[in-house]
């Protein structure tokens, strides 16, 4: 697989993760997702590809979003979105919540060898409820939101745990002295390894933990046939580490916080 700009952009635009317990409103023009309350962004516009006038289509999406009764919706301005979106959202009071680099690395020659972490960390793939509990706690600490309801980790272990051995992907967690300090996920989509949810506890940053988790996911992807590693990284934190690891930036996605009241 050649890492042309077109192939990376196409792979990025094809990527939209929706959990089983979410409620979706999907048409040919947009995907609106109501996540469970414990997610950091409970309501998201994940795709917007209007066939007609952009402002009219945006009004329809926001009107539908208001039916969920939430004060804000988070709008993902993806690489294939209309150029008018940022200005139209700003006119409606939207502010930038986050900017993500869309980065990709060529895995046709295998995974790169990354420098080892400064800390002595153990990497474990999540296959049981205890590991998913650790991932959930780290996710809240790094990204916000709240802990999922009791029993959610056991459900994930039953549903997602077997995916690791099956070559479909999973979550890897870094432990230092048996304390969870970092995590990240990988999902296989044909010859693309989608890297997601990478983060490190604040007290463990600067010691190579993210890099160790990244290396494990790249090795997994290459071992299971990936020719491209794709990730959407925060420009202030993970972006620089990813570029040092051989990733190149192919564009940016901006997440807007749009008031609905």
C-alpha atoms as a PDB file:
ATOM      1  CA  UNK A   1       0.000   0.000   0.000  1.00  0.00           C
ATOM      2  CA  UNK A   2       1.473   3.333  -1.053  1.00  0.00           C
ATOM      3  CA  UNK A   3       1.179   6.105   1.497  1.00  0.00           C
ATOM      4  CA  UNK A   4      -0.033   8.691  -0.952  1.00  0.00           C
ATOM      5  CA  UNK A   5      -1.915  11.632   0.464  1.00  0.00           C
ATOM      6  CA  UNK A   6      -5.056  10.295  -1.195  1.00  0.00           C
ATOM      7  CA  UNK A   7      -4.776   6.892   0.477  1.00  0.00           C
ATOM      8  CA  UNK A   8      -4.212   8.407   3.916  1.00  0.00           C
ATOM      9  CA  UNK A   9      -7.071  10.884   3.572  1.00  0.00           C
ATOM     10  CA  UNK A  10      -9.397   8.114   2.380  1.00  0.00           C
ATOM     11  CA  UNK A  11      -8.412   5.889   5.304  1.00  0.00           C
ATOM     12  CA  UNK A  12      -8.928   8.755   7.749  1.00  0.00           C
ATOM     13  CA  UNK A  13     -12.345   9.677   6.380  1.00  0.00           C
ATOM     14  CA  UNK A  14     -13.469   6.034   6.557  1.00  0.00           C
ATOM     15  CA  UNK A  15     -12.738   5.890  10.278  1.00  0.00           C
ATOM     16  CA  UNK A  16     -15.602   6.592  12.679  1.00  0.00           C
ATOM     17  CA  UNK A  17     -15.926   4.559  15.879  1.00  0.00           C
ATOM     18  CA  UNK A  18     -19.333   4.174  17.489  1.00  0.00           C
ATOM     19  CA  UNK A  19     -19.748   2.015  20.631  1.00  0.00           C
ATOM     20  CA  UNK A  20     -22.520  -0.548  20.782  1.00  0.00           C
ATOM     21  CA  UNK A  21     -24.459   1.326  23.450  1.00  0.00           C
ATOM     22  CA  UNK A  22     -24.529   4.631  21.523  1.00  0.00           C
ATOM     23  CA  UNK A  23     -27.572   6.011  19.693  1.00  0.00           C
ATOM     24  CA  UNK A  24     -26.964   7.163  16.131  1.00  0.00           C
ATOM     25  CA  UNK A  25     -28.808   9.285  13.623  1.00  0.00           C
ATOM     26  CA  UNK A  26     -27.317   8.535  10.219  1.00  0.00           C
ATOM     27  CA  UNK A  27     -28.263   9.797   6.783  1.00  0.00           C
ATOM     28  CA  UNK A  28     -26.441  10.102   3.491  1.00  0.00           C
ATOM     29  CA  UNK A  29     -25.292  13.543   4.626  1.00  0.00           C
ATOM     30  CA  UNK A  30     -24.312  13.164   8.285  1.00  0.00           C
ATOM     31  CA  UNK A  31     -23.664  10.917  11.254  1.00  0.00           C
ATOM     32  CA  UNK A  32     -24.816  12.213  14.640  1.00  0.00           C
ATOM     33  CA  UNK A  33     -23.956  10.079  17.660  1.00  0.00           C
ATOM     34  CA  UNK A  34     -25.291  10.225  21.213  1.00  0.00           C
ATOM     35  CA  UNK A  35     -22.691   8.520  23.394  1.00  0.00           C
ATOM     36  CA  UNK A  36     -23.380   7.281  26.934  1.00  0.00           C
ATOM     37  CA  UNK A  37     -23.220  10.003  29.578  1.00  0.00           C
ATOM     38  CA  UNK A  38     -19.868   8.841  30.935  1.00  0.00           C
ATOM     39  CA  UNK A  39     -18.109   9.804  27.682  1.00  0.00           C
ATOM     40  CA  UNK A  40     -16.247  13.110  27.550  1.00  0.00           C
ATOM     41  CA  UNK A  41     -18.227  14.172  24.446  1.00  0.00           C
ATOM     42  CA  UNK A  42     -21.783  12.845  24.867  1.00  0.00           C
ATOM     43  CA  UNK A  43     -23.006  14.205  21.513  1.00  0.00           C
ATOM     44  CA  UNK A  44     -20.931  14.367  18.336  1.00  0.00           C
ATOM     45  CA  UNK A  45     -21.369  15.172  14.672  1.00  0.00           C
ATOM     46  CA  UNK A  46     -18.944  12.594  13.332  1.00  0.00           C
ATOM     47  CA  UNK A  47     -19.522  13.027   9.605  1.00  0.00           C
ATOM     48  CA  UNK A  48     -20.945  15.838   7.475  1.00  0.00           C
ATOM     49  CA  UNK A  49     -21.062  15.569   3.695  1.00  0.00           C
ATOM     50  CA  UNK A  50     -23.999  17.632   2.456  1.00  0.00           C
ATOM     51  CA  UNK A  51     -25.253  17.145  -1.069  1.00  0.00           C
ATOM     52  CA  UNK A  52     -26.788  20.622  -1.260  1.00  0.00           C
ATOM     53  CA  UNK A  53     -26.286  24.036   0.381  1.00  0.00           C
ATOM     54  CA  UNK A  54     -23.960  23.676   3.364  1.00  0.00           C
ATOM     55  CA  UNK A  55     -25.619  26.168   5.704  1.00  0.00           C
ATOM     56  CA  UNK A  56     -29.058  24.670   5.177  1.00  0.00           C
ATOM     57  CA  UNK A  57     -27.738  21.166   5.856  1.00  0.00           C
ATOM     58  CA  UNK A  58     -25.900  22.391   8.969  1.00  0.00           C
ATOM     59  CA  UNK A  59     -29.094  23.915  10.323  1.00  0.00           C
ATOM     60  CA  UNK A  60     -30.866  20.590   9.870  1.00  0.00           C
ATOM     61  CA  UNK A  61     -28.111  18.721  11.740  1.00  0.00           C
ATOM     62  CA  UNK A  62     -28.105  21.153  14.653  1.00  0.00           C
ATOM     63  CA  UNK A  63     -31.896  21.106  14.886  1.00  0.00           C
ATOM     64  CA  UNK A  64     -31.752  17.311  15.107  1.00  0.00           C
ATOM     65  CA  UNK A  65     -28.985  17.530  17.715  1.00  0.00           C
ATOM     66  CA  UNK A  66     -31.160  19.764  19.903  1.00  0.00           C
ATOM     67  CA  UNK A  67     -33.713  16.971  20.167  1.00  0.00           C
ATOM     68  CA  UNK A  68     -31.318  15.126  22.497  1.00  0.00           C
ATOM     69  CA  UNK A  69     -31.702  17.928  25.067  1.00  0.00           C
ATOM     70  CA  UNK A  70     -27.991  18.549  25.632  1.00  0.00           C
ATOM     71  CA  UNK A  71     -26.400  22.009  25.840  1.00  0.00           C
ATOM     72  CA  UNK A  72     -23.609  21.406  23.322  1.00  0.00           C
ATOM     73  CA  UNK A  73     -22.625  19.182  20.431  1.00  0.00           C
ATOM     74  CA  UNK A  74     -19.051  18.467  19.350  1.00  0.00           C
ATOM     75  CA  UNK A  75     -18.552  18.814  15.615  1.00  0.00           C
ATOM     76  CA  UNK A  76     -15.706  16.982  13.894  1.00  0.00           C
ATOM     77  CA  UNK A  77     -14.500  18.940  10.876  1.00  0.00           C
ATOM     78  CA  UNK A  78     -12.955  16.068   8.954  1.00  0.00           C
ATOM     79  CA  UNK A  79     -10.568  16.173   6.011  1.00  0.00           C
ATOM     80  CA  UNK A  80     -13.406  15.653   3.541  1.00  0.00           C
ATOM     81  CA  UNK A  81     -15.704  18.253   5.113  1.00  0.00           C
ATOM     82  CA  UNK A  82     -16.896  21.398   3.320  1.00  0.00           C
ATOM     83  CA  UNK A  83     -14.530  24.357   3.511  1.00  0.00           C
ATOM     84  CA  UNK A  84     -17.347  26.610   4.747  1.00  0.00           C
ATOM     85  CA  UNK A  85     -17.862  24.655   7.978  1.00  0.00           C
ATOM     86  CA  UNK A  86     -15.437  26.544  10.282  1.00  0.00           C
ATOM     87  CA  UNK A  87     -16.851  29.972   9.420  1.00  0.00           C
ATOM     88  CA  UNK A  88     -20.452  28.812   9.636  1.00  0.00           C
ATOM     89  CA  UNK A  89     -19.863  27.206  13.027  1.00  0.00           C
ATOM     90  CA  UNK A  90     -18.052  30.288  14.323  1.00  0.00           C
ATOM     91  CA  UNK A  91     -21.049  32.401  13.333  1.00  0.00           C
ATOM     92  CA  UNK A  92     -23.151  30.119  15.562  1.00  0.00           C
ATOM     93  CA  UNK A  93     -20.880  30.672  18.566  1.00  0.00           C
ATOM     94  CA  UNK A  94     -18.712  27.588  18.187  1.00  0.00           C
ATOM     95  CA  UNK A  95     -15.227  27.462  19.686  1.00  0.00           C
ATOM     96  CA  UNK A  96     -12.317  25.155  18.935  1.00  0.00           C
ATOM     97  CA  UNK A  97     -12.225  22.315  21.442  1.00  0.00           C
ATOM     98  CA  UNK A  98      -9.255  20.442  20.015  1.00  0.00           C
ATOM     99  CA  UNK A  99      -7.067  20.188  16.930  1.00  0.00           C
ATOM    100  CA  UNK A 100      -5.773  16.787  15.837  1.00  0.00           C
ATOM    101  CA  UNK A 101      -3.010  15.954  13.397  1.00  0.00           C
ATOM    102  CA  UNK A 102      -3.877  13.137  10.988  1.00  0.00           C
ATOM    103  CA  UNK A 103      -0.654  11.137  10.858  1.00  0.00           C
ATOM    104  CA  UNK A 104       0.354   7.964   9.054  1.00  0.00           C
ATOM    105  CA  UNK A 105       3.402   5.716   8.865  1.00  0.00           C
ATOM    106  CA  UNK A 106       4.391   3.130   6.263  1.00  0.00           C
ATOM    107  CA  UNK A 107       4.531  -0.397   7.722  1.00  0.00           C
ATOM    108  CA  UNK A 108       5.325  -2.241   4.483  1.00  0.00           C
ATOM    109  CA  UNK A 109       8.828  -2.920   5.806  1.00  0.00           C
ATOM    110  CA  UNK A 110       7.585  -3.840   9.269  1.00  0.00           C
ATOM    111  CA  UNK A 111       7.284  -1.829  12.446  1.00  0.00           C
ATOM    112  CA  UNK A 112      10.050   0.664  13.261  1.00  0.00           C
ATOM    113  CA  UNK A 113      12.343   0.034  16.209  1.00  0.00           C
ATOM    114  CA  UNK A 114      11.742   2.779  18.755  1.00  0.00           C
ATOM    115  CA  UNK A 115      14.055   3.796  21.625  1.00  0.00           C
ATOM    116  CA  UNK A 116      13.183   2.013  24.871  1.00  0.00           C
ATOM    117  CA  UNK A 117      11.431   3.954  27.630  1.00  0.00           C
ATOM    118  CA  UNK A 118      13.437   5.464  30.465  1.00  0.00           C
ATOM    119  CA  UNK A 119      11.158   3.748  32.931  1.00  0.00           C
ATOM    120  CA  UNK A 120      10.919  -0.002  33.455  1.00  0.00           C
ATOM    121  CA  UNK A 121       7.404  -0.667  32.162  1.00  0.00           C
ATOM    122  CA  UNK A 122       5.485  -3.859  31.535  1.00  0.00           C
ATOM    123  CA  UNK A 123       3.068  -3.938  28.612  1.00  0.00           C
ATOM    124  CA  UNK A 124      -0.059  -6.079  28.935  1.00  0.00           C
ATOM    125  CA  UNK A 125      -2.846  -6.538  26.413  1.00  0.00           C
ATOM    126  CA  UNK A 126      -6.292  -6.121  27.959  1.00  0.00           C
ATOM    127  CA  UNK A 127      -8.183  -9.406  27.950  1.00  0.00           C
ATOM    128  CA  UNK A 128      -9.864  -9.446  31.370  1.00  0.00           C
ATOM    129  CA  UNK A 129     -12.130  -7.171  33.376  1.00  0.00           C
ATOM    130  CA  UNK A 130      -9.349  -5.953  35.674  1.00  0.00           C
ATOM    131  CA  UNK A 131      -7.312  -4.696  32.720  1.00  0.00           C
ATOM    132  CA  UNK A 132     -10.321  -2.911  31.236  1.00  0.00           C
ATOM    133  CA  UNK A 133     -10.934  -1.311  34.649  1.00  0.00           C
ATOM    134  CA  UNK A 134      -7.376   0.016  34.530  1.00  0.00           C
ATOM    135  CA  UNK A 135      -7.905   1.339  30.995  1.00  0.00           C
ATOM    136  CA  UNK A 136     -11.152   3.059  32.004  1.00  0.00           C
ATOM    137  CA  UNK A 137      -9.498   4.784  34.973  1.00  0.00           C
ATOM    138  CA  UNK A 138      -6.623   5.983  32.789  1.00  0.00           C
ATOM    139  CA  UNK A 139      -9.035   7.216  30.123  1.00  0.00           C
ATOM    140  CA  UNK A 140     -10.855   9.388  32.657  1.00  0.00           C
ATOM    141  CA  UNK A 141      -7.577  10.702  34.082  1.00  0.00           C
ATOM    142  CA  UNK A 142      -6.166  11.576  30.658  1.00  0.00           C
ATOM    143  CA  UNK A 143      -9.178  12.547  28.553  1.00  0.00           C
ATOM    144  CA  UNK A 144     -11.936  13.345  31.040  1.00  0.00           C
ATOM    145  CA  UNK A 145     -15.447  11.987  31.303  1.00  0.00           C
ATOM    146  CA  UNK A 146     -16.382   9.578  34.081  1.00  0.00           C
ATOM    147  CA  UNK A 147     -16.091   5.895  34.839  1.00  0.00           C
ATOM    148  CA  UNK A 148     -18.489   3.562  33.002  1.00  0.00           C
ATOM    149  CA  UNK A 149     -21.176   1.745  35.001  1.00  0.00           C
ATOM    150  CA  UNK A 150     -20.309  -1.349  36.992  1.00  0.00           C
ATOM    151  CA  UNK A 151     -20.099  -4.442  34.836  1.00  0.00           C
ATOM    152  CA  UNK A 152     -19.011  -2.597  31.711  1.00  0.00           C
ATOM    153  CA  UNK A 153     -15.420  -3.864  31.961  1.00  0.00           C
ATOM    154  CA  UNK A 154     -16.591  -7.466  32.271  1.00  0.00           C
ATOM    155  CA  UNK A 155     -18.739  -7.018  29.164  1.00  0.00           C
ATOM    156  CA  UNK A 156     -15.783  -5.579  27.258  1.00  0.00           C
ATOM    157  CA  UNK A 157     -13.533  -8.408  28.360  1.00  0.00           C
ATOM    158  CA  UNK A 158     -16.018 -10.967  27.061  1.00  0.00           C
ATOM    159  CA  UNK A 159     -16.623  -9.142  23.791  1.00  0.00           C
ATOM    160  CA  UNK A 160     -13.257  -7.539  23.025  1.00  0.00           C
ATOM    161  CA  UNK A 161     -10.745  -9.693  24.879  1.00  0.00           C
ATOM    162  CA  UNK A 162     -10.683 -12.456  22.224  1.00  0.00           C
ATOM    163  CA  UNK A 163      -9.957  -9.890  19.497  1.00  0.00           C
ATOM    164  CA  UNK A 164      -6.312  -9.611  20.546  1.00  0.00           C
ATOM    165  CA  UNK A 165      -5.481 -13.237  19.758  1.00  0.00           C
ATOM    166  CA  UNK A 166      -7.683 -13.146  16.660  1.00  0.00           C
ATOM    167  CA  UNK A 167      -5.610 -10.352  15.136  1.00  0.00           C
ATOM    168  CA  UNK A 168      -8.441  -7.818  15.182  1.00  0.00           C
ATOM    169  CA  UNK A 169      -6.838  -5.447  17.658  1.00  0.00           C
ATOM    170  CA  UNK A 170      -7.190  -4.468  21.275  1.00  0.00           C
ATOM    171  CA  UNK A 171      -5.904  -2.284  24.079  1.00  0.00           C
ATOM    172  CA  UNK A 172      -2.409  -2.405  25.542  1.00  0.00           C
ATOM    173  CA  UNK A 173      -1.679  -1.018  28.994  1.00  0.00           C
ATOM    174  CA  UNK A 174       1.688   0.028  30.415  1.00  0.00           C
ATOM    175  CA  UNK A 175       2.401  -0.685  34.073  1.00  0.00           C
ATOM    176  CA  UNK A 176       5.218   0.713  36.207  1.00  0.00           C
ATOM    177  CA  UNK A 177       5.699  -1.162  39.488  1.00  0.00           C
ATOM    178  CA  UNK A 178       2.303  -2.770  38.773  1.00  0.00           C
ATOM    179  CA  UNK A 179       0.587   0.632  38.562  1.00  0.00           C
ATOM    180  CA  UNK A 180      -1.189   1.450  35.259  1.00  0.00           C
ATOM    181  CA  UNK A 181       0.484   4.530  33.776  1.00  0.00           C
ATOM    182  CA  UNK A 182      -0.344   4.497  30.052  1.00  0.00           C
ATOM    183  CA  UNK A 183      -2.561   2.881  27.452  1.00  0.00           C
ATOM    184  CA  UNK A 184      -3.457   2.820  23.782  1.00  0.00           C
ATOM    185  CA  UNK A 185      -5.597   0.847  21.368  1.00  0.00           C
ATOM    186  CA  UNK A 186      -5.252  -0.524  17.858  1.00  0.00           C
ATOM    187  CA  UNK A 187      -7.977  -1.742  15.502  1.00  0.00           C
ATOM    188  CA  UNK A 188      -7.306  -3.545  12.252  1.00  0.00           C
ATOM    189  CA  UNK A 189      -9.194  -2.312   9.179  1.00  0.00           C
ATOM    190  CA  UNK A 190      -7.854  -4.334   6.278  1.00  0.00           C
ATOM    191  CA  UNK A 191      -4.275  -3.190   5.740  1.00  0.00           C
ATOM    192  CA  UNK A 192      -4.687  -0.179   8.036  1.00  0.00           C
ATOM    193  CA  UNK A 193      -3.823  -0.271  11.727  1.00  0.00           C
ATOM    194  CA  UNK A 194      -5.922   2.405  13.392  1.00  0.00           C
ATOM    195  CA  UNK A 195      -4.264   3.670  16.566  1.00  0.00           C
ATOM    196  CA  UNK A 196      -6.537   5.285  19.122  1.00  0.00           C
ATOM    197  CA  UNK A 197      -6.871   6.238  22.781  1.00  0.00           C
ATOM    198  CA  UNK A 198      -3.162   6.678  23.443  1.00  0.00           C
ATOM    199  CA  UNK A 199      -2.425   8.505  26.662  1.00  0.00           C
ATOM    200  CA  UNK A 200      -0.199   8.598  29.730  1.00  0.00           C
ATOM    201  CA  UNK A 201      -0.969   9.543  33.322  1.00  0.00           C
ATOM    202  CA  UNK A 202       0.302  13.038  34.088  1.00  0.00           C
ATOM    203  CA  UNK A 203       2.734  11.800  36.736  1.00  0.00           C
ATOM    204  CA  UNK A 204       4.341   9.374  34.254  1.00  0.00           C
ATOM    205  CA  UNK A 205       4.872  11.691  31.298  1.00  0.00           C
ATOM    206  CA  UNK A 206       8.289  12.402  29.890  1.00  0.00           C
ATOM    207  CA  UNK A 207       9.692   8.902  30.512  1.00  0.00           C
ATOM    208  CA  UNK A 208       8.933   7.189  27.214  1.00  0.00           C
ATOM    209  CA  UNK A 209       5.726   5.423  28.290  1.00  0.00           C
ATOM    210  CA  UNK A 210       3.737   6.666  25.300  1.00  0.00           C
ATOM    211  CA  UNK A 211       6.529   5.555  22.992  1.00  0.00           C
ATOM    212  CA  UNK A 212       6.526   2.068  24.517  1.00  0.00           C
ATOM    213  CA  UNK A 213       2.771   1.730  24.016  1.00  0.00           C
ATOM    214  CA  UNK A 214       3.114   3.057  20.476  1.00  0.00           C
ATOM    215  CA  UNK A 215       5.819   0.520  19.659  1.00  0.00           C
ATOM    216  CA  UNK A 216       3.670  -2.353  20.886  1.00  0.00           C
ATOM    217  CA  UNK A 217       0.746  -1.278  18.731  1.00  0.00           C
ATOM    218  CA  UNK A 218       2.902  -0.787  15.635  1.00  0.00           C
ATOM    219  CA  UNK A 219       4.443  -4.229  16.101  1.00  0.00           C
ATOM    220  CA  UNK A 220       0.975  -5.735  16.485  1.00  0.00           C
ATOM    221  CA  UNK A 221      -0.291  -4.014  13.354  1.00  0.00           C
ATOM    222  CA  UNK A 222       2.685  -5.077  11.248  1.00  0.00           C
ATOM    223  CA  UNK A 223       2.452  -8.649  12.533  1.00  0.00           C
ATOM    224  CA  UNK A 224      -1.183  -8.813  11.430  1.00  0.00           C
ATOM    225  CA  UNK A 225      -0.739  -7.499   7.911  1.00  0.00           C
ATOM    226  CA  UNK A 226      -1.009  -3.729   8.253  1.00  0.00           C
ATOM    227  CA  UNK A 227       0.758  -1.679   5.622  1.00  0.00           C
ATOM    228  CA  UNK A 228      -0.290   1.668   7.085  1.00  0.00           C
ATOM    229  CA  UNK A 229      -0.481   2.909  10.666  1.00  0.00           C
ATOM    230  CA  UNK A 230      -3.018   5.717  11.040  1.00  0.00           C
ATOM    231  CA  UNK A 231      -3.529   7.923  14.083  1.00  0.00           C
ATOM    232  CA  UNK A 232      -5.167  11.207  14.994  1.00  0.00           C
ATOM    233  CA  UNK A 233      -2.846  12.814  17.525  1.00  0.00           C
ATOM    234  CA  UNK A 234      -3.120  15.849  19.737  1.00  0.00           C
ATOM    235  CA  UNK A 235      -0.822  18.486  18.276  1.00  0.00           C
ATOM    236  CA  UNK A 236       0.589  19.528  21.664  1.00  0.00           C
ATOM    237  CA  UNK A 237       1.261  16.098  23.176  1.00  0.00           C
ATOM    238  CA  UNK A 238       1.304  12.927  21.089  1.00  0.00           C
ATOM    239  CA  UNK A 239       1.897  14.656  17.743  1.00  0.00           C
ATOM    240  CA  UNK A 240       5.606  15.418  18.310  1.00  0.00           C
ATOM    241  CA  UNK A 241       6.277  11.874  19.587  1.00  0.00           C
ATOM    242  CA  UNK A 242       4.563  10.353  16.574  1.00  0.00           C
ATOM    243  CA  UNK A 243       6.580  12.460  14.144  1.00  0.00           C
ATOM    244  CA  UNK A 244       9.794  11.398  15.869  1.00  0.00           C
ATOM    245  CA  UNK A 245       8.681   7.780  15.410  1.00  0.00           C
ATOM    246  CA  UNK A 246       8.428   8.212  11.643  1.00  0.00           C
ATOM    247  CA  UNK A 247       4.852   9.388  11.171  1.00  0.00           C
ATOM    248  CA  UNK A 248       4.059  12.168   8.708  1.00  0.00           C
ATOM    249  CA  UNK A 249       1.223  14.679   8.966  1.00  0.00           C
ATOM    250  CA  UNK A 250      -1.364  14.596   6.172  1.00  0.00           C
ATOM    251  CA  UNK A 251      -3.785  17.191   7.478  1.00  0.00           C
ATOM    252  CA  UNK A 252      -5.686  18.276  10.559  1.00  0.00           C
ATOM    253  CA  UNK A 253      -9.124  17.624  11.980  1.00  0.00           C
ATOM    254  CA  UNK A 254     -10.650  20.291  14.195  1.00  0.00           C
ATOM    255  CA  UNK A 255     -13.236  19.530  16.869  1.00  0.00           C
ATOM    256  CA  UNK A 256     -15.634  22.396  17.561  1.00  0.00           C
ATOM    257  CA  UNK A 257     -17.785  22.863  20.638  1.00  0.00           C
ATOM    258  CA  UNK A 258     -21.120  24.147  19.353  1.00  0.00           C
ATOM    259  CA  UNK A 259     -23.738  25.560  21.756  1.00  0.00           C
ATOM    260  CA  UNK A 260     -27.259  24.266  21.227  1.00  0.00           C
ATOM    261  CA  UNK A 261     -29.083  26.634  23.565  1.00  0.00           C
END
